Amino acid sequence: CFYSGLDSYSNIWLEMLFPIYLFFIVGVTIFLSRYSTRLTRLLGTNCTDVLATLMLVSYTKLLHVVTHALWFSTIVIITKVADVDQNNNNAYTASLDDRSNTFPTYVWRLDGSVDYLGRKHIPLFLAALAVLLILWLPFTMILLFWQLLQKLSHYRIVHWIVVKKM
């Protein structure tokens, strides 16, 4: 437990924040290393390998957290319509028949007390969806289509990809 009273809702928020924090640290390190030779010498020659490993570990952790934030379960509540016995007005028969009603309720899979897309879950849902669309999906597309992007690097839209020949 990170702190006393940590529930699954708070835990998912912390788990989502950590990979984003690592992405931020990696980005700042790359940005500062580009403009500071002193920092580049301080970090050493293995910095790129370490940062790439951190990015991939954060990438998989982020996917894990986003899927957990978006999971839901369905709980079906069955209400029975009681039949009144014709001979005795006080006697009821509890049978499931055509007059029973079912109400599906959607809850968050990690904590059944949180309604799915309810007041408490909607910020987590929107944050997970934003992380999925803004961070995870573009990173996946770059990893999948890296060689194609290198071939198209002479076009202005992907000019940030520099192919260096040794």
Protein backbone atom coordinates (compact mmCIF):
# COMPACT_ATOMS: atom_id res chain seq x y z
CA CYS A 1 0.00 0.00 0.00
CA PHE A 2 1.28 3.42 -0.94
CA TYR A 3 -0.81 5.01 1.79
CA SER A 4 -3.54 3.93 4.18
CA GLY A 5 -6.93 3.88 2.48
CA LEU A 6 -5.62 3.36 -1.06
CA ASP A 7 -8.46 1.85 -3.08
CA SER A 8 -8.38 0.49 -6.63
CA TYR A 9 -9.64 3.78 -8.07
CA SER A 10 -6.75 5.77 -6.56
CA ASN A 11 -4.32 3.00 -7.41
CA ILE A 12 -5.22 3.15 -11.13
CA TRP A 13 -4.70 6.92 -11.12
CA LEU A 14 -1.23 6.46 -9.59
CA GLU A 15 -0.39 3.66 -12.01
CA MET A 16 -1.44 5.87 -14.92
CA LEU A 17 0.60 8.79 -13.65
CA PHE A 18 3.88 6.89 -13.28
CA PRO A 19 4.45 5.99 -16.99
CA ILE A 20 3.43 9.51 -17.99
CA TYR A 21 5.98 10.81 -15.48
CA LEU A 22 8.64 8.56 -17.04
CA PHE A 23 7.71 9.78 -20.55
CA PHE A 24 8.10 13.33 -19.27
CA ILE A 25 11.51 12.61 -17.70
CA VAL A 26 12.73 10.91 -20.89
CA GLY A 27 11.48 13.80 -23.03
CA VAL A 28 13.12 16.43 -20.83
CA THR A 29 16.38 14.45 -20.80
CA ILE A 30 16.41 14.14 -24.58
CA PHE A 31 15.54 17.82 -25.01
CA LEU A 32 18.20 19.02 -22.57
CA SER A 33 20.84 16.64 -23.95
CA ARG A 34 20.29 18.09 -27.39
CA TYR A 35 21.23 21.59 -26.25
CA SER A 36 23.71 20.87 -23.44
CA THR A 37 26.99 19.11 -24.11
CA ARG A 38 27.75 19.14 -20.39
CA LEU A 39 24.61 17.09 -19.63
CA THR A 40 25.42 14.75 -22.52
CA ARG A 41 28.87 14.07 -21.09
CA LEU A 42 27.38 13.64 -17.62
CA LEU A 43 24.85 11.04 -18.79
CA GLY A 44 27.40 8.99 -20.71
CA THR A 45 27.17 6.92 -23.87
CA ASN A 46 24.52 4.38 -22.80
CA CYS A 47 21.86 7.02 -22.25
CA THR A 48 19.97 6.22 -25.45
CA ASP A 49 19.70 2.52 -24.63
CA VAL A 50 18.47 3.24 -21.12
CA LEU A 51 15.92 5.80 -22.33
CA ALA A 52 14.65 3.45 -25.06
CA THR A 53 14.21 0.66 -22.50
CA LEU A 54 12.36 3.02 -20.15
CA MET A 55 10.05 4.08 -22.98
CA LEU A 56 9.19 0.48 -23.90
CA VAL A 57 8.58 -0.55 -20.29
CA SER A 58 6.42 2.52 -19.74
CA TYR A 59 4.60 1.79 -22.99
CA THR A 60 3.53 -1.69 -21.88
CA LYS A 61 2.64 -0.49 -18.38
CA LEU A 62 0.51 2.28 -19.86
CA LEU A 63 -1.41 -0.21 -22.00
CA HIS A 64 -2.00 -2.38 -18.93
CA VAL A 65 -3.32 0.55 -16.91
CA VAL A 66 -5.55 1.86 -19.71
CA THR A 67 -7.16 -1.54 -20.26
CA HIS A 68 -7.82 -1.86 -16.53
CA ALA A 69 -9.36 1.61 -16.46
CA LEU A 70 -11.68 0.79 -19.37
CA TRP A 71 -12.81 -2.67 -18.22
CA PHE A 72 -16.37 -3.15 -17.10
CA SER A 73 -18.61 -5.93 -15.84
CA THR A 74 -22.32 -6.41 -16.21
CA ILE A 75 -24.44 -7.19 -13.20
CA VAL A 76 -27.96 -8.33 -13.97
CA ILE A 77 -30.57 -7.55 -11.34
CA ILE A 78 -33.67 -9.70 -11.56
CA THR A 79 -36.82 -8.45 -9.95
CA LYS A 80 -39.61 -10.95 -9.59
CA VAL A 81 -43.27 -10.19 -9.98
CA ALA A 82 -45.01 -12.22 -7.32
CA ASP A 83 -48.15 -14.13 -8.16
CA VAL A 84 -51.01 -13.74 -5.71
CA ASP A 85 -52.58 -17.06 -4.84
CA GLN A 86 -56.32 -16.96 -5.66
CA ASN A 87 -57.33 -18.99 -2.59
CA ASN A 88 -55.28 -17.13 -0.02
CA ASN A 89 -54.64 -13.41 -0.63
CA ASN A 90 -51.62 -13.34 1.70
CA ALA A 91 -49.69 -16.16 -0.01
CA TYR A 92 -47.27 -15.29 -2.78
CA THR A 93 -45.44 -17.63 -5.11
CA ALA A 94 -41.94 -16.59 -6.08
CA SER A 95 -41.42 -17.96 -9.56
CA LEU A 96 -39.52 -16.55 -12.48
CA ASP A 97 -41.88 -16.22 -15.38
CA ASP A 98 -42.65 -13.82 -18.19
CA ARG A 99 -43.38 -11.06 -15.70
CA SER A 100 -39.89 -10.98 -14.19
CA ASN A 101 -37.85 -7.91 -15.05
CA THR A 102 -34.11 -7.81 -15.60
CA PHE A 103 -32.04 -4.67 -15.28
CA PRO A 104 -28.42 -4.80 -16.47
CA THR A 105 -26.08 -2.61 -14.46
CA TYR A 106 -22.57 -1.82 -15.65
CA VAL A 107 -19.83 -1.49 -13.04
CA TRP A 108 -16.09 -0.98 -13.21
CA ARG A 109 -14.42 -4.38 -13.11
CA LEU A 110 -11.78 -3.54 -10.51
CA ASP A 111 -14.25 -2.06 -8.03
CA GLY A 112 -17.86 -3.18 -8.26
CA SER A 113 -19.04 -0.27 -6.14
CA VAL A 114 -18.08 2.20 -8.91
CA ASP A 115 -20.68 2.58 -11.66
CA TYR A 116 -19.19 2.36 -15.14
CA LEU A 117 -19.28 5.84 -16.69
CA GLY A 118 -20.81 7.09 -13.46
CA ARG A 119 -19.85 10.29 -11.70
CA LYS A 120 -16.73 8.78 -10.14
CA HIS A 121 -15.60 6.74 -13.17
CA ILE A 122 -16.05 9.28 -15.99
CA PRO A 123 -12.82 11.26 -15.23
CA LEU A 124 -10.83 8.01 -15.19
CA PHE A 125 -12.51 6.87 -18.41
CA LEU A 126 -11.76 10.16 -20.20
CA ALA A 127 -8.16 10.21 -18.96
CA ALA A 128 -7.63 6.60 -20.09
CA LEU A 129 -9.17 7.36 -23.48
CA ALA A 130 -6.98 10.46 -23.86
CA VAL A 131 -3.84 8.52 -22.93
CA LEU A 132 -4.81 5.79 -25.37
CA LEU A 133 -5.42 8.19 -28.26
CA ILE A 134 -2.75 10.82 -27.58
CA LEU A 135 0.19 8.81 -26.21
CA TRP A 136 -0.20 5.10 -26.76
CA LEU A 137 -1.64 4.95 -30.29
CA PRO A 138 0.85 7.38 -31.92
CA PHE A 139 3.77 5.62 -30.23
CA THR A 140 2.48 2.28 -31.55
CA MET A 141 2.13 3.67 -35.07
CA ILE A 142 5.67 5.07 -34.96
CA LEU A 143 7.05 1.72 -33.80
CA LEU A 144 5.12 -0.21 -36.46
CA PHE A 145 5.80 2.08 -39.39
CA TRP A 146 9.30 3.34 -38.54
CA GLN A 147 10.92 2.06 -41.74
CA LEU A 148 8.18 3.54 -43.89
CA LEU A 149 8.60 6.86 -42.09
CA GLN A 150 12.33 6.76 -42.78
CA LYS A 151 11.68 6.23 -46.48
CA LEU A 152 9.26 9.17 -46.50
CA SER A 153 11.52 11.44 -44.45
CA HIS A 154 12.17 13.76 -47.40
CA TYR A 155 8.54 14.92 -47.26
CA ARG A 156 7.93 18.01 -45.14
CA ILE A 157 5.34 16.41 -42.81
CA VAL A 158 7.84 13.83 -41.52
CA HIS A 159 11.01 15.92 -41.82
CA TRP A 160 11.76 15.37 -38.13
CA ILE A 161 12.95 11.84 -38.97
CA VAL A 162 16.63 12.11 -39.83
CA VAL A 163 18.30 9.14 -41.48
CA LYS A 164 22.00 9.20 -40.71
CA LYS A 165 24.29 7.01 -42.78
CA MET A 166 27.43 5.84 -41.05
